Amino acid sequence: MAAFAAAVVAVAIMAFGSQLARINPALAAFLELVVVAGVAPSVWRLRRTPVWRWLVYGAAAGVLAGWSALLVGAA
């Protein structure tokens, strides 16, 4: 379940970020941070619930993987 959540979140981050980067890379980075900062508190609260914690950990890994892929693609 965590791997699926990581894959979905990573693909969403990469798709959102790459399309925004076509318009303005600084705007893309800013909006990525705003979206993750806005969703993080709600998702982080679920980490103690037995079933949801795997989705939370997967989503966190997906965010890191998506941002890493965007940075590697930008270089």
PDB file of N, CA and C in Angstrom:
ATOM      1  N   MET A   1       0.817  -1.180   0.000  1.00  0.00           N
ATOM      2  CA  MET A   1       0.000   0.000   0.000  1.00  0.00           C
ATOM      3  C   MET A   1       0.872   1.258   0.000  1.00  0.00           C
ATOM      4  N   ALA A   2       1.959   1.237   0.732  1.00  0.00           N
ATOM      5  CA  ALA A   2       2.846   2.401   0.774  1.00  0.00           C
ATOM      6  C   ALA A   2       3.510   2.632  -0.579  1.00  0.00           C
ATOM      7  N   ALA A   3       3.875   1.555  -1.253  1.00  0.00           N
ATOM      8  CA  ALA A   3       4.519   1.697  -2.562  1.00  0.00           C
ATOM      9  C   ALA A   3       3.559   2.308  -3.582  1.00  0.00           C
ATOM     10  N   PHE A   4       2.304   1.914  -3.534  1.00  0.00           N
ATOM     11  CA  PHE A   4       1.311   2.472  -4.438  1.00  0.00           C
ATOM     12  C   PHE A   4       1.110   3.958  -4.160  1.00  0.00           C
ATOM     13  N   ALA A   5       0.993   4.321  -2.898  1.00  0.00           N
ATOM     14  CA  ALA A   5       0.839   5.734  -2.537  1.00  0.00           C
ATOM     15  C   ALA A   5       2.062   6.536  -2.968  1.00  0.00           C
ATOM     16  N   ALA A   6       3.243   5.973  -2.790  1.00  0.00           N
ATOM     17  CA  ALA A   6       4.470   6.667  -3.205  1.00  0.00           C
ATOM     18  C   ALA A   6       4.492   6.878  -4.713  1.00  0.00           C
ATOM     19  N   ALA A   7       4.087   5.872  -5.456  1.00  0.00           N
ATOM     20  CA  ALA A   7       4.082   5.993  -6.920  1.00  0.00           C
ATOM     21  C   ALA A   7       3.078   7.041  -7.390  1.00  0.00           C
ATOM     22  N   VAL A   8       1.890   7.028  -6.821  1.00  0.00           N
ATOM     23  CA  VAL A   8       0.862   7.985  -7.228  1.00  0.00           C
ATOM     24  C   VAL A   8       1.292   9.416  -6.899  1.00  0.00           C
ATOM     25  N   VAL A   9       1.807   9.617  -5.711  1.00  0.00           N
ATOM     26  CA  VAL A   9       2.223  10.964  -5.303  1.00  0.00           C
ATOM     27  C   VAL A   9       3.428  11.423  -6.121  1.00  0.00           C
ATOM     28  N   ALA A  10       4.376  10.538  -6.374  1.00  0.00           N
ATOM     29  CA  ALA A  10       5.555  10.924  -7.163  1.00  0.00           C
ATOM     30  C   ALA A  10       5.158  11.320  -8.582  1.00  0.00           C
ATOM     31  N   VAL A  11       4.270  10.561  -9.196  1.00  0.00           N
ATOM     32  CA  VAL A  11       3.826  10.899 -10.556  1.00  0.00           C
ATOM     33  C   VAL A  11       3.069  12.223 -10.548  1.00  0.00           C
ATOM     34  N   ALA A  12       2.230  12.441  -9.550  1.00  0.00           N
ATOM     35  CA  ALA A  12       1.482  13.697  -9.472  1.00  0.00           C
ATOM     36  C   ALA A  12       2.422  14.889  -9.291  1.00  0.00           C
ATOM     37  N   ILE A  13       3.418  14.741  -8.436  1.00  0.00           N
ATOM     38  CA  ILE A  13       4.383  15.828  -8.205  1.00  0.00           C
ATOM     39  C   ILE A  13       5.177  16.108  -9.483  1.00  0.00           C
ATOM     40  N   MET A  14       5.607  15.051 -10.156  1.00  0.00           N
ATOM     41  CA  MET A  14       6.393  15.253 -11.374  1.00  0.00           C
ATOM     42  C   MET A  14       5.549  15.881 -12.478  1.00  0.00           C
ATOM     43  N   ALA A  15       4.312  15.442 -12.642  1.00  0.00           N
ATOM     44  CA  ALA A  15       3.452  16.004 -13.683  1.00  0.00           C
ATOM     45  C   ALA A  15       3.131  17.470 -13.400  1.00  0.00           C
ATOM     46  N   PHE A  16       2.757  17.756 -12.176  1.00  0.00           N
ATOM     47  CA  PHE A  16       2.416  19.126 -11.777  1.00  0.00           C
ATOM     48  C   PHE A  16       3.637  20.035 -11.914  1.00  0.00           C
ATOM     49  N   GLY A  17       4.759  19.598 -11.399  1.00  0.00           N
ATOM     50  CA  GLY A  17       5.964  20.415 -11.425  1.00  0.00           C
ATOM     51  C   GLY A  17       6.525  20.631 -12.818  1.00  0.00           C
ATOM     52  N   SER A  18       6.517  19.596 -13.640  1.00  0.00           N
ATOM     53  CA  SER A  18       7.085  19.741 -14.983  1.00  0.00           C
ATOM     54  C   SER A  18       6.241  20.665 -15.850  1.00  0.00           C
ATOM     55  N   GLN A  19       4.933  20.605 -15.720  1.00  0.00           N
ATOM     56  CA  GLN A  19       4.084  21.497 -16.504  1.00  0.00           C
ATOM     57  C   GLN A  19       4.189  22.940 -16.026  1.00  0.00           C
ATOM     58  N   LEU A  20       4.274  23.130 -14.729  1.00  0.00           N
ATOM     59  CA  LEU A  20       4.454  24.495 -14.218  1.00  0.00           C
ATOM     60  C   LEU A  20       5.831  25.041 -14.565  1.00  0.00           C
ATOM     61  N   ALA A  21       6.828  24.187 -14.619  1.00  0.00           N
ATOM     62  CA  ALA A  21       8.180  24.641 -14.944  1.00  0.00           C
ATOM     63  C   ALA A  21       8.264  25.163 -16.374  1.00  0.00           C
ATOM     64  N   ARG A  22       7.375  24.711 -17.233  1.00  0.00           N
ATOM     65  CA  ARG A  22       7.352  25.252 -18.597  1.00  0.00           C
ATOM     66  C   ARG A  22       6.968  26.722 -18.598  1.00  0.00           C
ATOM     67  N   ILE A  23       6.130  27.110 -17.638  1.00  0.00           N
ATOM     68  CA  ILE A  23       5.689  28.500 -17.541  1.00  0.00           C
ATOM     69  C   ILE A  23       6.757  29.330 -16.841  1.00  0.00           C
ATOM     70  N   ASN A  24       7.124  28.896 -15.625  1.00  0.00           N
ATOM     71  CA  ASN A  24       8.114  29.622 -14.837  1.00  0.00           C
ATOM     72  C   ASN A  24       8.674  28.673 -13.775  1.00  0.00           C
ATOM     73  N   PRO A  25       9.952  28.350 -13.825  1.00  0.00           N
ATOM     74  CA  PRO A  25      10.525  27.412 -12.852  1.00  0.00           C
ATOM     75  C   PRO A  25      10.426  27.889 -11.400  1.00  0.00           C
ATOM     76  N   ALA A  26      10.576  29.179 -11.166  1.00  0.00           N
ATOM     77  CA  ALA A  26      10.478  29.687  -9.794  1.00  0.00           C
ATOM     78  C   ALA A  26       9.051  29.546  -9.272  1.00  0.00           C
ATOM     79  N   LEU A  27       8.078  29.817 -10.128  1.00  0.00           N
ATOM     80  CA  LEU A  27       6.680  29.645  -9.751  1.00  0.00           C
ATOM     81  C   LEU A  27       6.376  28.186  -9.473  1.00  0.00           C
ATOM     82  N   ALA A  28       6.948  27.294 -10.257  1.00  0.00           N
ATOM     83  CA  ALA A  28       6.734  25.862 -10.046  1.00  0.00           C
ATOM     84  C   ALA A  28       7.266  25.428  -8.686  1.00  0.00           C
ATOM     85  N   ALA A  29       8.451  25.858  -8.347  1.00  0.00           N
ATOM     86  CA  ALA A  29       9.038  25.484  -7.050  1.00  0.00           C
ATOM     87  C   ALA A  29       8.212  26.051  -5.903  1.00  0.00           C
ATOM     88  N   PHE A  30       7.786  27.306  -6.038  1.00  0.00           N
ATOM     89  CA  PHE A  30       6.990  27.932  -4.989  1.00  0.00           C
ATOM     90  C   PHE A  30       5.653  27.212  -4.808  1.00  0.00           C
ATOM     91  N   LEU A  31       4.967  26.923  -5.890  1.00  0.00           N
ATOM     92  CA  LEU A  31       3.665  26.265  -5.777  1.00  0.00           C
ATOM     93  C   LEU A  31       3.777  24.831  -5.267  1.00  0.00           C
ATOM     94  N   GLU A  32       4.845  24.141  -5.637  1.00  0.00           N
ATOM     95  CA  GLU A  32       5.063  22.790  -5.100  1.00  0.00           C
ATOM     96  C   GLU A  32       5.207  22.848  -3.581  1.00  0.00           C
ATOM     97  N   LEU A  33       5.974  23.803  -3.097  1.00  0.00           N
ATOM     98  CA  LEU A  33       6.149  23.955  -1.651  1.00  0.00           C
ATOM     99  C   LEU A  33       4.844  24.331  -0.961  1.00  0.00           C
ATOM    100  N   VAL A  34       4.067  25.198  -1.577  1.00  0.00           N
ATOM    101  CA  VAL A  34       2.787  25.611  -0.987  1.00  0.00           C
ATOM    102  C   VAL A  34       1.827  24.435  -0.901  1.00  0.00           C
ATOM    103  N   VAL A  35       1.756  23.642  -1.960  1.00  0.00           N
ATOM    104  CA  VAL A  35       0.841  22.492  -1.970  1.00  0.00           C
ATOM    105  C   VAL A  35       1.249  21.478  -0.909  1.00  0.00           C
ATOM    106  N   VAL A  36       2.516  21.137  -0.858  1.00  0.00           N
ATOM    107  CA  VAL A  36       2.973  20.139   0.117  1.00  0.00           C
ATOM    108  C   VAL A  36       2.830  20.678   1.540  1.00  0.00           C
ATOM    109  N   ALA A  37       3.151  21.938   1.746  1.00  0.00           N
ATOM    110  CA  ALA A  37       3.005  22.517   3.090  1.00  0.00           C
ATOM    111  C   ALA A  37       1.548  22.598   3.512  1.00  0.00           C
ATOM    112  N   GLY A  38       0.650  22.749   2.572  1.00  0.00           N
ATOM    113  CA  GLY A  38      -0.762  22.805   2.898  1.00  0.00           C
ATOM    114  C   GLY A  38      -1.366  21.448   3.213  1.00  0.00           C
ATOM    115  N   VAL A  39      -0.903  20.430   2.527  1.00  0.00           N
ATOM    116  CA  VAL A  39      -1.451  19.080   2.712  1.00  0.00           C
ATOM    117  C   VAL A  39      -0.762  18.335   3.857  1.00  0.00           C
ATOM    118  N   ALA A  40       0.475  18.653   4.118  1.00  0.00           N
ATOM    119  CA  ALA A  40       1.269  17.904   5.097  1.00  0.00           C
ATOM    120  C   ALA A  40       0.651  17.818   6.494  1.00  0.00           C
ATOM    121  N   PRO A  41       0.150  18.896   7.082  1.00  0.00           N
ATOM    122  CA  PRO A  41      -0.404  18.764   8.437  1.00  0.00           C
ATOM    123  C   PRO A  41      -1.594  17.812   8.512  1.00  0.00           C
ATOM    124  N   SER A  42      -2.454  17.852   7.511  1.00  0.00           N
ATOM    125  CA  SER A  42      -3.619  16.957   7.507  1.00  0.00           C
ATOM    126  C   SER A  42      -3.200  15.504   7.355  1.00  0.00           C
ATOM    127  N   VAL A  43      -2.261  15.271   6.464  1.00  0.00           N
ATOM    128  CA  VAL A  43      -1.810  13.901   6.228  1.00  0.00           C
ATOM    129  C   VAL A  43      -1.008  13.392   7.423  1.00  0.00           C
ATOM    130  N   TRP A  44      -0.172  14.242   7.996  1.00  0.00           N
ATOM    131  CA  TRP A  44       0.695  13.813   9.104  1.00  0.00           C
ATOM    132  C   TRP A  44      -0.110  13.398  10.329  1.00  0.00           C
ATOM    133  N   ARG A  45      -1.299  13.994  10.523  1.00  0.00           N
ATOM    134  CA  ARG A  45      -2.155  13.610  11.641  1.00  0.00           C
ATOM    135  C   ARG A  45      -2.634  12.162  11.531  1.00  0.00           C
ATOM    136  N   LEU A  46      -2.708  11.637  10.328  1.00  0.00           N
ATOM    137  CA  LEU A  46      -3.205  10.273  10.110  1.00  0.00           C
ATOM    138  C   LEU A  46      -2.137   9.202  10.355  1.00  0.00           C
ATOM    139  N   ARG A  47      -0.914   9.590  10.620  1.00  0.00           N
ATOM    140  CA  ARG A  47       0.173   8.613  10.705  1.00  0.00           C
ATOM    141  C   ARG A  47       0.030   7.636  11.862  1.00  0.00           C
ATOM    142  N   ARG A  48      -0.783   7.934  12.849  1.00  0.00           N
ATOM    143  CA  ARG A  48      -0.948   7.024  13.991  1.00  0.00           C
ATOM    144  C   ARG A  48      -2.097   6.046  13.807  1.00  0.00           C
ATOM    145  N   THR A  49      -2.908   6.241  12.793  1.00  0.00           N
ATOM    146  CA  THR A  49      -3.999   5.319  12.491  1.00  0.00           C
ATOM    147  C   THR A  49      -3.407   4.108  11.773  1.00  0.00           C
ATOM    148  N   PRO A  50      -3.694   2.883  12.232  1.00  0.00           N
ATOM    149  CA  PRO A  50      -3.002   1.703  11.713  1.00  0.00           C
ATOM    150  C   PRO A  50      -3.005   1.539  10.187  1.00  0.00           C
ATOM    151  N   VAL A  51      -4.124   1.689   9.545  1.00  0.00           N
ATOM    152  CA  VAL A  51      -4.156   1.465   8.099  1.00  0.00           C
ATOM    153  C   VAL A  51      -3.615   2.671   7.342  1.00  0.00           C
ATOM    154  N   TRP A  52      -3.962   3.864   7.777  1.00  0.00           N
ATOM    155  CA  TRP A  52      -3.581   5.069   7.070  1.00  0.00           C
ATOM    156  C   TRP A  52      -2.101   5.389   7.174  1.00  0.00           C
ATOM    157  N   ARG A  53      -1.419   4.860   8.179  1.00  0.00           N
ATOM    158  CA  ARG A  53      -0.008   5.235   8.348  1.00  0.00           C
ATOM    159  C   ARG A  53       0.837   4.801   7.158  1.00  0.00           C
ATOM    160  N   TRP A  54       0.488   3.684   6.507  1.00  0.00           N
ATOM    161  CA  TRP A  54       1.252   3.242   5.350  1.00  0.00           C
ATOM    162  C   TRP A  54       1.058   4.184   4.175  1.00  0.00           C
ATOM    163  N   LEU A  55      -0.146   4.722   4.048  1.00  0.00           N
ATOM    164  CA  LEU A  55      -0.368   5.713   3.000  1.00  0.00           C
ATOM    165  C   LEU A  55       0.405   6.997   3.283  1.00  0.00           C
ATOM    166  N   VAL A  56       0.475   7.387   4.542  1.00  0.00           N
ATOM    167  CA  VAL A  56       1.216   8.594   4.918  1.00  0.00           C
ATOM    168  C   VAL A  56       2.701   8.416   4.627  1.00  0.00           C
ATOM    169  N   TYR A  57       3.252   7.291   5.029  1.00  0.00           N
ATOM    170  CA  TYR A  57       4.680   7.057   4.770  1.00  0.00           C
ATOM    171  C   TYR A  57       4.958   6.942   3.271  1.00  0.00           C
ATOM    172  N   GLY A  58       4.043   6.324   2.547  1.00  0.00           N
ATOM    173  CA  GLY A  58       4.196   6.241   1.097  1.00  0.00           C
ATOM    174  C   GLY A  58       4.116   7.608   0.444  1.00  0.00           C
ATOM    175  N   ALA A  59       3.180   8.438   0.907  1.00  0.00           N
ATOM    176  CA  ALA A  59       3.053   9.786   0.352  1.00  0.00           C
ATOM    177  C   ALA A  59       4.306  10.610   0.636  1.00  0.00           C
ATOM    178  N   ALA A  60       4.860  10.472   1.827  1.00  0.00           N
ATOM    179  CA  ALA A  60       6.095  11.196   2.156  1.00  0.00           C
ATOM    180  C   ALA A  60       7.247  10.746   1.252  1.00  0.00           C
ATOM    181  N   ALA A  61       7.348   9.455   1.025  1.00  0.00           N
ATOM    182  CA  ALA A  61       8.388   8.947   0.129  1.00  0.00           C
ATOM    183  C   ALA A  61       8.140   9.408  -1.302  1.00  0.00           C
ATOM    184  N   GLY A  62       6.877   9.474  -1.695  1.00  0.00           N
ATOM    185  CA  GLY A  62       6.540   9.933  -3.035  1.00  0.00           C
ATOM    186  C   GLY A  62       6.892  11.390  -3.266  1.00  0.00           C
ATOM    187  N   VAL A  63       6.694  12.217  -2.256  1.00  0.00           N
ATOM    188  CA  VAL A  63       7.072  13.627  -2.371  1.00  0.00           C
ATOM    189  C   VAL A  63       8.581  13.745  -2.552  1.00  0.00           C
ATOM    190  N   LEU A  64       9.332  13.013  -1.757  1.00  0.00           N
ATOM    191  CA  LEU A  64      10.794  13.059  -1.897  1.00  0.00           C
ATOM    192  C   LEU A  64      11.249  12.537  -3.255  1.00  0.00           C
ATOM    193  N   ALA A  65      10.640  11.456  -3.706  1.00  0.00           N
ATOM    194  CA  ALA A  65      11.005  10.889  -5.012  1.00  0.00           C
ATOM    195  C   ALA A  65      10.624  11.836  -6.151  1.00  0.00           C
ATOM    196  N   GLY A  66       9.453  12.441  -6.056  1.00  0.00           N
ATOM    197  CA  GLY A  66       9.025  13.375  -7.100  1.00  0.00           C
ATOM    198  C   GLY A  66       9.903  14.592  -7.177  1.00  0.00           C
ATOM    199  N   TRP A  67      10.232  15.172  -6.019  1.00  0.00           N
ATOM    200  CA  TRP A  67      11.119  16.340  -6.015  1.00  0.00           C
ATOM    201  C   TRP A  67      12.508  15.974  -6.518  1.00  0.00           C
ATOM    202  N   SER A  68      12.988  14.795  -6.139  1.00  0.00           N
ATOM    203  CA  SER A  68      14.304  14.358  -6.625  1.00  0.00           C
ATOM    204  C   SER A  68      14.299  14.193  -8.145  1.00  0.00           C
ATOM    205  N   ALA A  69      13.242  13.602  -8.657  1.00  0.00           N
ATOM    206  CA  ALA A  69      13.145  13.423 -10.121  1.00  0.00           C
ATOM    207  C   ALA A  69      13.072  14.755 -10.831  1.00  0.00           C
ATOM    208  N   LEU A  70      12.353  15.708 -10.275  1.00  0.00           N
ATOM    209  CA  LEU A  70      12.290  17.032 -10.892  1.00  0.00           C
ATOM    210  C   LEU A  70      13.648  17.725 -10.875  1.00  0.00           C
ATOM    211  N   LEU A  71      14.385  17.587  -9.760  1.00  0.00           N
ATOM    212  CA  LEU A  71      15.702  18.211  -9.683  1.00  0.00           C
ATOM    213  C   LEU A  71      16.681  17.562 -10.661  1.00  0.00           C
ATOM    214  N   VAL A  72      16.615  16.243 -10.783  1.00  0.00           N
ATOM    215  CA  VAL A  72      17.502  15.547 -11.716  1.00  0.00           C
ATOM    216  C   VAL A  72      17.139  15.920 -13.151  1.00  0.00           C
ATOM    217  N   GLY A  73      15.838  16.025 -13.425  1.00  0.00           N
ATOM    218  CA  GLY A  73      15.397  16.397 -14.772  1.00  0.00           C
ATOM    219  C   GLY A  73      15.751  17.823 -15.125  1.00  0.00           C
ATOM    220  N   ALA A  74      15.813  18.692 -14.143  1.00  0.00           N
ATOM    221  CA  ALA A  74      16.143  20.096 -14.394  1.00  0.00           C
ATOM    222  C   ALA A  74      17.637  20.292 -14.635  1.00  0.00           C
ATOM    223  N   ALA A  75      18.439  19.389 -14.129  1.00  0.00           N
ATOM    224  CA  ALA A  75      19.892  19.539 -14.253  1.00  0.00           C
ATOM    225  C   ALA A  75      20.426  19.140 -15.617  1.00  0.00           C
TER     226      ALA A  75
END
